[in-house]
């Protein structure tokens, strides 16, 4: 007995409804790629699109190669079974064109777009994609040159970071992370004020409060009494410090709030009052460190933008781009240039995404970018305004449709 999948109706729709943006979600091994291959075959065999006008995006180069092999097998099987002469001609053409079909990873696809329109993307026409090792070397060279130059000028943000305990390797990692995630940095923004002296002021208030309590301690070896004396000495040091030295001293302030015996205080409630003040000061010190860390992170982010500029100059000088550049440049040229977007609208009819994993802010937008015209300009005739949606499953997106209105999205769990 033949087993009919519970979602067979959705699978059938995928093979005949070509005017709707579809999103299928399912677990591993449930047939997503099979359904995707079936949709491509249906598009070709019915004459709705030729293979060179169907973009298929995969997660890895290995997956792209396997997808082409599966397509070839399905095309050959369809040829063997077909008795319609027109359909056979379409399948034969697809078999011939398969190696030139745009089936690739998102990075390879972005690179192909940029090679066709490099000037509009602000790239050297002969640009190359840096191999992993070469790209790492370019990044490291840019970092070392920028860091050495900034330290030679005693960059205040870098000096502050190193003084407060960060290592050079920590800064290097931060720079590399910014380079990898530069698409989510956003524009510079005003930095909230950091109250450098706030903890010293609070410490002075606490020391003043302790004044009347000190005579009530009958044992000068009491831990709470010793903490009062230590804080008085710390305040004296803080009053002689300023700037970075003061910030470091206050960050390193350690407050012991749980020690002290009531039997050493007259009345014993005095001990509880001292402990309460110490606990409040401890909380204030922890909040100060958090505020200091946040301010330092903000300052480093702004400062390391200079490194990103140096990195971009280094890549430009060598006419190379990295993998993040491919996504960002392709996205930007499609979003900002209407002529380029319309050019690719005319080039491709369908976009299919298989295993669209680990999305970045730039990645989900790229496949759909050429299908939309930003407001206030109206969308061009025949262009769909709905954005493609993709997840760790696959989506099938027509880049052109018979209507300019948004298309519904179908969801299915294939089993």
Protein backbone atom coordinates (compact mmCIF):
# COMPACT_ATOMS: atom_id res chain seq x y z
CA UNK A 1 0.00 0.00 0.00
CA UNK A 2 1.35 3.41 -0.98
CA UNK A 3 1.95 5.82 1.85
CA UNK A 4 0.56 9.27 1.19
CA UNK A 5 2.23 12.02 3.28
CA UNK A 6 -0.17 13.93 5.49
CA UNK A 7 0.85 17.17 3.80
CA UNK A 8 0.66 15.88 0.22
CA UNK A 9 -1.74 18.68 -0.74
CA UNK A 10 0.92 21.25 0.20
CA UNK A 11 3.58 19.33 -1.69
CA UNK A 12 1.34 19.29 -4.76
CA UNK A 13 0.74 23.02 -4.43
CA UNK A 14 4.49 23.65 -4.44
CA UNK A 15 4.65 22.01 -7.86
CA UNK A 16 1.86 24.05 -9.44
CA UNK A 17 1.42 27.36 -7.59
CA UNK A 18 4.21 29.49 -9.01
CA UNK A 19 2.76 32.92 -8.21
CA UNK A 20 2.91 32.62 -4.42
CA UNK A 21 5.85 33.15 -2.09
CA UNK A 22 6.11 29.92 -0.11
CA UNK A 23 7.91 29.04 3.11
CA UNK A 24 8.17 25.40 4.15
CA UNK A 25 9.43 24.46 7.60
CA UNK A 26 10.35 20.92 8.57
CA UNK A 27 12.90 18.86 10.41
CA UNK A 28 15.98 17.21 8.93
CA UNK A 29 15.39 14.34 6.52
CA UNK A 30 11.72 15.12 5.88
CA UNK A 31 12.02 15.93 2.20
CA UNK A 32 12.50 19.68 1.92
CA UNK A 33 15.21 19.44 -0.72
CA UNK A 34 13.19 16.84 -2.63
CA UNK A 35 10.24 19.20 -2.77
CA UNK A 36 12.54 22.04 -3.88
CA UNK A 37 13.97 19.92 -6.71
CA UNK A 38 10.44 19.00 -7.71
CA UNK A 39 9.46 22.65 -7.90
CA UNK A 40 12.43 23.47 -10.14
CA UNK A 41 11.58 20.54 -12.39
CA UNK A 42 7.94 21.63 -12.57
CA UNK A 43 8.93 25.19 -13.46
CA UNK A 44 11.14 23.92 -16.29
CA UNK A 45 8.91 21.16 -17.65
CA UNK A 46 5.81 23.37 -17.79
CA UNK A 47 7.73 26.13 -19.54
CA UNK A 48 7.12 28.62 -16.75
CA UNK A 49 10.85 29.40 -16.53
CA UNK A 50 14.11 28.23 -18.04
CA UNK A 51 16.80 26.92 -15.76
CA UNK A 52 19.03 29.97 -16.17
CA UNK A 53 16.23 32.17 -14.76
CA UNK A 54 15.79 30.12 -11.58
CA UNK A 55 18.12 30.93 -8.67
CA UNK A 56 18.67 28.12 -6.17
CA UNK A 57 20.62 29.07 -3.04
CA UNK A 58 22.11 26.43 -0.76
CA UNK A 59 23.97 26.57 2.55
CA UNK A 60 27.26 25.06 1.39
CA UNK A 61 29.23 24.39 -1.79
CA UNK A 62 28.85 20.68 -1.18
CA UNK A 63 25.08 21.07 -0.98
CA UNK A 64 25.09 23.07 -4.23
CA UNK A 65 26.95 20.28 -6.01
CA UNK A 66 24.59 17.65 -4.61
CA UNK A 67 21.57 19.71 -5.64
CA UNK A 68 22.82 19.87 -9.23
CA UNK A 69 23.32 16.11 -9.26
CA UNK A 70 19.79 15.54 -8.00
CA UNK A 71 18.43 17.95 -10.59
CA UNK A 72 20.26 16.11 -13.36
CA UNK A 73 18.85 12.79 -12.19
CA UNK A 74 15.31 14.18 -12.03
CA UNK A 75 15.62 15.83 -15.46
CA UNK A 76 16.89 12.59 -17.02
CA UNK A 77 14.08 10.59 -15.39
CA UNK A 78 11.51 13.12 -16.61
CA UNK A 79 12.97 12.96 -20.13
CA UNK A 80 12.71 9.20 -20.17
CA UNK A 81 9.05 9.34 -19.07
CA UNK A 82 7.88 12.30 -21.16
CA UNK A 83 5.96 11.81 -24.41
CA UNK A 84 5.22 15.50 -25.01
CA UNK A 85 7.58 16.91 -27.64
CA UNK A 86 7.51 20.49 -26.31
CA UNK A 87 8.16 19.31 -22.77
CA UNK A 88 11.03 17.11 -23.97
CA UNK A 89 12.65 20.09 -25.71
CA UNK A 90 12.43 22.10 -22.53
CA UNK A 91 13.94 19.27 -20.47
CA UNK A 92 16.74 18.74 -23.00
CA UNK A 93 17.59 22.44 -22.85
CA UNK A 94 17.63 22.25 -19.07
CA UNK A 95 19.95 19.25 -19.15
CA UNK A 96 22.35 21.17 -21.38
CA UNK A 97 22.21 24.34 -19.30
CA UNK A 98 22.46 22.69 -15.89
CA UNK A 99 26.14 23.43 -15.30
CA UNK A 100 25.51 27.12 -15.98
CA UNK A 101 22.44 27.27 -13.78
CA UNK A 102 22.66 29.72 -10.83
CA UNK A 103 22.75 27.02 -8.14
CA UNK A 104 25.19 28.11 -5.46
CA UNK A 105 25.75 29.34 -1.93
CA UNK A 106 24.48 32.78 -0.96
CA UNK A 107 28.06 34.11 -1.03
CA UNK A 108 28.76 32.75 -4.50
CA UNK A 109 25.48 34.14 -5.77
CA UNK A 110 26.23 37.56 -4.28
CA UNK A 111 29.66 37.46 -5.92
CA UNK A 112 28.10 36.74 -9.30
CA UNK A 113 25.81 39.76 -8.96
CA UNK A 114 28.71 42.01 -8.03
CA UNK A 115 30.84 40.83 -10.94
CA UNK A 116 28.10 41.87 -13.33
CA UNK A 117 27.68 45.35 -11.80
CA UNK A 118 30.94 46.15 -9.96
CA UNK A 119 30.98 49.90 -10.58
CA UNK A 120 27.54 50.44 -9.10
CA UNK A 121 28.66 48.43 -6.07
CA UNK A 122 31.79 50.57 -5.67
CA UNK A 123 34.18 47.72 -6.47
CA UNK A 124 37.17 47.26 -8.70
CA UNK A 125 35.97 45.20 -11.72
CA UNK A 126 38.85 42.80 -11.11
CA UNK A 127 38.08 42.26 -7.43
CA UNK A 128 38.79 38.89 -5.90
CA UNK A 129 37.27 37.14 -2.92
CA UNK A 130 39.90 36.64 -0.26
CA UNK A 131 40.49 33.01 0.57
CA UNK A 132 40.17 32.23 4.26
CA UNK A 133 43.90 32.38 4.99
CA UNK A 134 44.52 35.43 2.79
CA UNK A 135 41.53 37.21 4.29
CA UNK A 136 42.80 36.51 7.79
CA UNK A 137 46.20 37.93 6.86
CA UNK A 138 44.67 41.10 5.43
CA UNK A 139 42.63 41.55 8.60
CA UNK A 140 45.62 40.92 10.87
CA UNK A 141 47.86 43.28 8.91
CA UNK A 142 45.25 46.02 9.08
CA UNK A 143 44.81 45.47 12.83
CA UNK A 144 48.50 45.53 13.65
CA UNK A 145 49.15 48.66 11.59
CA UNK A 146 46.16 50.49 13.06
CA UNK A 147 46.84 49.41 16.66
CA UNK A 148 50.52 50.36 16.51
CA UNK A 149 49.71 53.76 15.04
CA UNK A 150 47.03 54.49 17.65
CA UNK A 151 49.20 53.38 20.57
CA UNK A 152 52.05 55.54 19.27
CA UNK A 153 49.67 58.47 19.74
CA UNK A 154 48.52 57.19 23.16
CA UNK A 155 44.95 56.65 22.03
CA UNK A 156 42.98 57.44 25.21
CA UNK A 157 40.36 54.73 24.69
CA UNK A 158 42.92 51.99 24.11
CA UNK A 159 45.04 53.20 27.04
CA UNK A 160 41.95 53.19 29.24
CA UNK A 161 41.02 49.66 28.16
CA UNK A 162 44.50 48.32 28.88
CA UNK A 163 44.74 50.17 32.20
CA UNK A 164 41.41 48.76 33.35
CA UNK A 165 42.54 45.20 32.74
CA UNK A 166 41.88 44.26 29.13
CA UNK A 167 44.66 42.54 27.23
CA UNK A 168 45.83 43.33 23.71
CA UNK A 169 44.38 39.99 22.63
CA UNK A 170 41.00 41.06 24.05
CA UNK A 171 41.11 44.17 21.88
CA UNK A 172 42.14 42.12 18.86
CA UNK A 173 39.18 39.78 19.38
CA UNK A 174 36.84 42.75 19.73
CA UNK A 175 38.16 44.21 16.48
CA UNK A 176 37.70 40.91 14.67
CA UNK A 177 34.18 40.57 16.02
CA UNK A 178 33.33 44.07 14.83
CA UNK A 179 34.71 43.28 11.39
CA UNK A 180 32.59 40.13 11.19
CA UNK A 181 29.43 41.83 12.50
CA UNK A 182 29.89 45.26 10.95
CA UNK A 183 26.50 45.01 9.26
CA UNK A 184 24.76 45.40 12.63
CA UNK A 185 26.85 48.20 14.12
CA UNK A 186 24.62 51.02 12.98
CA UNK A 187 25.72 54.63 12.80
CA UNK A 188 27.63 56.28 15.67
CA UNK A 189 25.41 57.59 18.46
CA UNK A 190 26.04 59.99 21.34
CA UNK A 191 27.51 58.18 24.33
CA UNK A 192 25.55 58.44 27.60
CA UNK A 193 27.44 60.30 30.29
CA UNK A 194 29.42 58.18 32.76
CA UNK A 195 29.54 59.54 36.31
CA UNK A 196 33.23 58.98 37.06
CA UNK A 197 33.11 60.52 40.54
CA UNK A 198 29.80 59.02 41.66
CA UNK A 199 31.24 56.15 43.69
CA UNK A 200 33.78 58.41 45.39
CA UNK A 201 30.91 60.69 46.43
CA UNK A 202 28.98 57.70 47.73
CA UNK A 203 32.06 56.46 49.59
CA UNK A 204 32.43 59.87 51.25
CA UNK A 205 28.80 59.77 52.39
CA UNK A 206 29.27 56.31 53.90
CA UNK A 207 32.49 57.24 55.70
CA UNK A 208 30.74 60.32 57.12
CA UNK A 209 27.85 58.14 58.28
CA UNK A 210 30.27 55.80 60.05
CA UNK A 211 31.67 58.63 62.17
CA UNK A 212 29.14 58.40 65.03
CA UNK A 213 29.25 54.59 64.98
CA UNK A 214 33.00 54.14 65.52
CA UNK A 215 32.94 54.98 69.26
CA UNK A 216 30.22 52.35 69.75
CA UNK A 217 32.58 49.52 68.87
CA UNK A 218 34.19 48.04 71.96
CA UNK A 219 36.66 45.83 70.11
CA UNK A 220 38.95 47.48 67.59
CA UNK A 221 39.80 44.04 66.13
CA UNK A 222 36.17 43.66 65.00
CA UNK A 223 35.96 43.03 61.26
CA UNK A 224 33.28 45.64 60.63
CA UNK A 225 35.33 48.24 62.51
CA UNK A 226 38.39 47.27 60.46
CA UNK A 227 36.35 47.73 57.27
CA UNK A 228 35.49 51.29 58.34
CA UNK A 229 39.16 52.09 58.82
CA UNK A 230 40.05 50.59 55.44
CA UNK A 231 37.35 52.61 53.67
CA UNK A 232 38.59 55.81 55.31
CA UNK A 233 42.04 55.11 53.90
CA UNK A 234 40.57 54.33 50.49
CA UNK A 235 38.68 57.63 50.49
CA UNK A 236 41.90 59.49 51.25
CA UNK A 237 43.55 57.81 48.25
CA UNK A 238 40.52 58.52 46.05
CA UNK A 239 40.65 62.21 46.97
CA UNK A 240 44.23 62.35 45.66
CA UNK A 241 43.35 60.59 42.39
CA UNK A 242 41.52 61.70 39.29
CA UNK A 243 40.70 60.53 35.79
CA UNK A 244 41.78 57.02 34.86
CA UNK A 245 43.62 56.44 38.14
CA UNK A 246 40.44 57.22 40.07
CA UNK A 247 38.30 54.96 37.87
CA UNK A 248 40.69 52.07 38.33
CA UNK A 249 40.84 52.57 42.11
CA UNK A 250 37.04 52.65 42.41
CA UNK A 251 36.61 49.61 40.15
CA UNK A 252 39.02 47.67 42.38
CA UNK A 253 37.30 48.71 45.60
CA UNK A 254 36.28 45.62 47.52
CA UNK A 255 33.67 45.94 50.25
CA UNK A 256 33.15 43.26 52.91
CA UNK A 257 29.61 43.69 54.19
CA UNK A 258 28.83 40.49 56.14
CA UNK A 259 31.45 40.48 58.92
CA UNK A 260 31.36 42.00 62.42
CA UNK A 261 30.01 40.71 65.75
CA UNK A 262 27.10 42.33 67.50
CA UNK A 263 28.68 41.55 70.88
CA UNK A 264 31.49 43.98 69.99
CA UNK A 265 29.07 46.92 69.60
CA UNK A 266 27.07 48.90 72.11
CA UNK A 267 24.23 48.80 71.37
CA UNK A 268 24.33 45.76 69.12
CA UNK A 269 22.00 47.50 66.63
CA UNK A 270 24.98 49.71 65.73
CA UNK A 271 26.65 46.68 64.19
CA UNK A 272 23.57 45.99 62.06
CA UNK A 273 23.47 49.61 60.91
CA UNK A 274 27.14 49.49 59.87
CA UNK A 275 26.58 46.26 57.96
CA UNK A 276 23.57 47.78 56.15
CA UNK A 277 25.68 50.76 55.04
CA UNK A 278 28.45 48.43 53.89
CA UNK A 279 25.96 46.35 51.90
CA UNK A 280 24.59 49.47 50.22
CA UNK A 281 28.13 50.58 49.35
CA UNK A 282 28.95 47.13 47.96
CA UNK A 283 25.88 47.31 45.70
CA UNK A 284 26.88 50.80 44.59
CA UNK A 285 30.38 49.60 43.75
CA UNK A 286 29.04 46.72 41.64
CA UNK A 287 26.73 49.11 39.80
CA UNK A 288 29.69 51.43 39.22
CA UNK A 289 31.71 48.63 37.63
CA UNK A 290 28.79 47.77 35.35
CA UNK A 291 28.45 51.41 34.29
CA UNK A 292 32.19 51.66 33.74
CA UNK A 293 32.18 48.50 31.62
CA UNK A 294 29.27 49.77 29.54
CA UNK A 295 30.95 53.11 28.97
CA UNK A 296 34.22 51.42 28.02
CA UNK A 297 32.46 49.08 25.59
CA UNK A 298 30.70 52.03 23.97
CA UNK A 299 33.96 53.97 23.71
CA UNK A 300 35.77 50.96 22.24
CA UNK A 301 33.06 50.41 19.68
CA UNK A 302 33.37 54.00 18.51
CA UNK A 303 37.16 53.87 18.57
CA UNK A 304 37.37 50.60 16.65
CA UNK A 305 35.38 52.11 13.80
CA UNK A 306 38.75 53.61 12.89
CA UNK A 307 40.09 50.08 12.56
CA UNK A 308 37.19 49.14 10.29
CA UNK A 309 38.04 52.10 8.07
CA UNK A 310 41.67 50.94 7.94
CA UNK A 311 40.53 47.42 7.09
CA UNK A 312 38.34 48.72 4.26
CA UNK A 313 41.25 50.74 2.86
CA UNK A 314 43.52 47.70 2.97
CA UNK A 315 40.98 45.60 1.06
CA UNK A 316 40.43 48.37 -1.46
CA UNK A 317 44.16 48.73 -2.09
CA UNK A 318 44.40 45.02 -2.88
CA UNK A 319 41.02 44.86 -4.69
CA UNK A 320 39.78 42.08 -2.41
CA UNK A 321 36.52 41.53 -0.53
CA UNK A 322 35.67 39.16 2.29
CA UNK A 323 32.57 37.04 2.67
CA UNK A 324 30.72 39.66 4.68
CA UNK A 325 31.47 42.21 1.96
CA UNK A 326 29.79 39.99 -0.60
CA UNK A 327 26.51 40.05 1.30
CA UNK A 328 26.67 43.71 2.27
CA UNK A 329 27.71 45.00 -1.15
CA UNK A 330 25.11 42.91 -2.96
CA UNK A 331 22.40 43.98 -0.55
CA UNK A 332 23.33 47.64 -0.74
CA UNK A 333 23.53 47.85 -4.52
CA UNK A 334 20.16 46.11 -4.88
CA UNK A 335 18.51 48.35 -2.29
CA UNK A 336 20.03 51.65 -3.39
CA UNK A 337 20.22 51.34 -7.16
CA UNK A 338 16.89 51.02 -8.95
CA UNK A 339 18.55 50.40 -12.37
CA UNK A 340 20.58 47.51 -10.93
CA UNK A 341 17.57 46.06 -9.16
CA UNK A 342 15.49 46.24 -12.33
CA UNK A 343 18.31 44.66 -14.30
CA UNK A 344 18.27 41.60 -12.08
CA UNK A 345 14.47 41.59 -11.97
CA UNK A 346 14.63 41.03 -15.69
CA UNK A 347 17.34 38.37 -15.31
CA UNK A 348 15.65 36.05 -12.82
CA UNK A 349 12.10 34.86 -12.35
CA UNK A 350 12.34 32.67 -9.26
CA UNK A 351 14.48 32.41 -6.13
CA UNK A 352 14.54 29.17 -4.17
CA UNK A 353 16.45 28.86 -0.90
CA UNK A 354 17.42 25.50 0.56
CA UNK A 355 18.63 25.13 4.16
CA UNK A 356 18.88 28.87 4.78
CA UNK A 357 20.73 28.53 8.09
CA UNK A 358 22.60 30.95 10.36
CA UNK A 359 21.02 34.11 8.93
CA UNK A 360 22.72 37.44 9.36
CA UNK A 361 20.96 40.79 9.23
CA UNK A 362 22.19 41.21 5.65
CA UNK A 363 21.44 37.70 4.45
CA UNK A 364 17.64 37.37 4.68
CA UNK A 365 17.15 40.65 2.87
CA UNK A 366 19.41 39.98 -0.11
CA UNK A 367 17.26 37.52 -2.11
CA UNK A 368 14.24 39.78 -1.85
CA UNK A 369 15.97 43.13 -2.23
CA UNK A 370 15.60 43.39 -5.98
CA UNK A 371 11.88 42.78 -5.79
CA UNK A 372 11.10 45.98 -3.92
CA UNK A 373 11.44 49.65 -4.62
CA UNK A 374 11.88 51.77 -1.48
CA UNK A 375 9.28 54.35 -0.64
CA UNK A 376 8.30 57.02 -1.56
CA UNK A 377 8.88 55.73 -5.12
CA UNK A 378 6.12 53.34 -6.30
CA UNK A 379 7.14 49.79 -7.17
CA UNK A 380 7.84 49.13 -10.86
CA UNK A 381 5.08 47.44 -12.82
CA UNK A 382 5.03 43.71 -12.27
CA UNK A 383 7.32 43.78 -9.24
CA UNK A 384 6.18 42.04 -6.09
CA UNK A 385 6.32 44.18 -2.95
CA UNK A 386 6.26 41.31 -0.50
CA UNK A 387 9.61 40.29 0.93
CA UNK A 388 10.90 36.76 0.71
CA UNK A 389 11.04 34.93 3.99
CA UNK A 390 13.51 32.21 4.75
CA UNK A 391 14.44 30.09 7.71
CA UNK A 392 16.25 26.82 8.34
CA UNK A 393 13.94 25.26 5.78
CA UNK A 394 13.51 26.46 2.24
CA UNK A 395 11.56 29.18 0.54
CA UNK A 396 10.45 29.55 -3.04
CA UNK A 397 10.11 33.14 -4.16
CA UNK A 398 8.97 34.38 -7.55
CA UNK A 399 10.89 37.54 -8.33
CA UNK A 400 8.06 38.72 -10.55
CA UNK A 401 4.32 38.18 -10.28
CA UNK A 402 1.16 39.13 -12.07
CA UNK A 403 0.20 41.57 -9.36
CA UNK A 404 1.98 44.27 -7.41
CA UNK A 405 0.22 43.35 -4.17
CA UNK A 406 1.74 41.24 -1.44
CA UNK A 407 1.32 37.52 -1.89
CA UNK A 408 0.20 35.23 0.94
CA UNK A 409 2.75 32.96 2.54
CA UNK A 410 2.08 29.25 2.92
CA UNK A 411 3.50 27.25 5.79
CA UNK A 412 3.80 23.51 5.91
CA UNK A 413 5.54 20.85 7.92
CA UNK A 414 6.64 18.14 5.54
CA UNK A 415 6.87 14.63 6.83
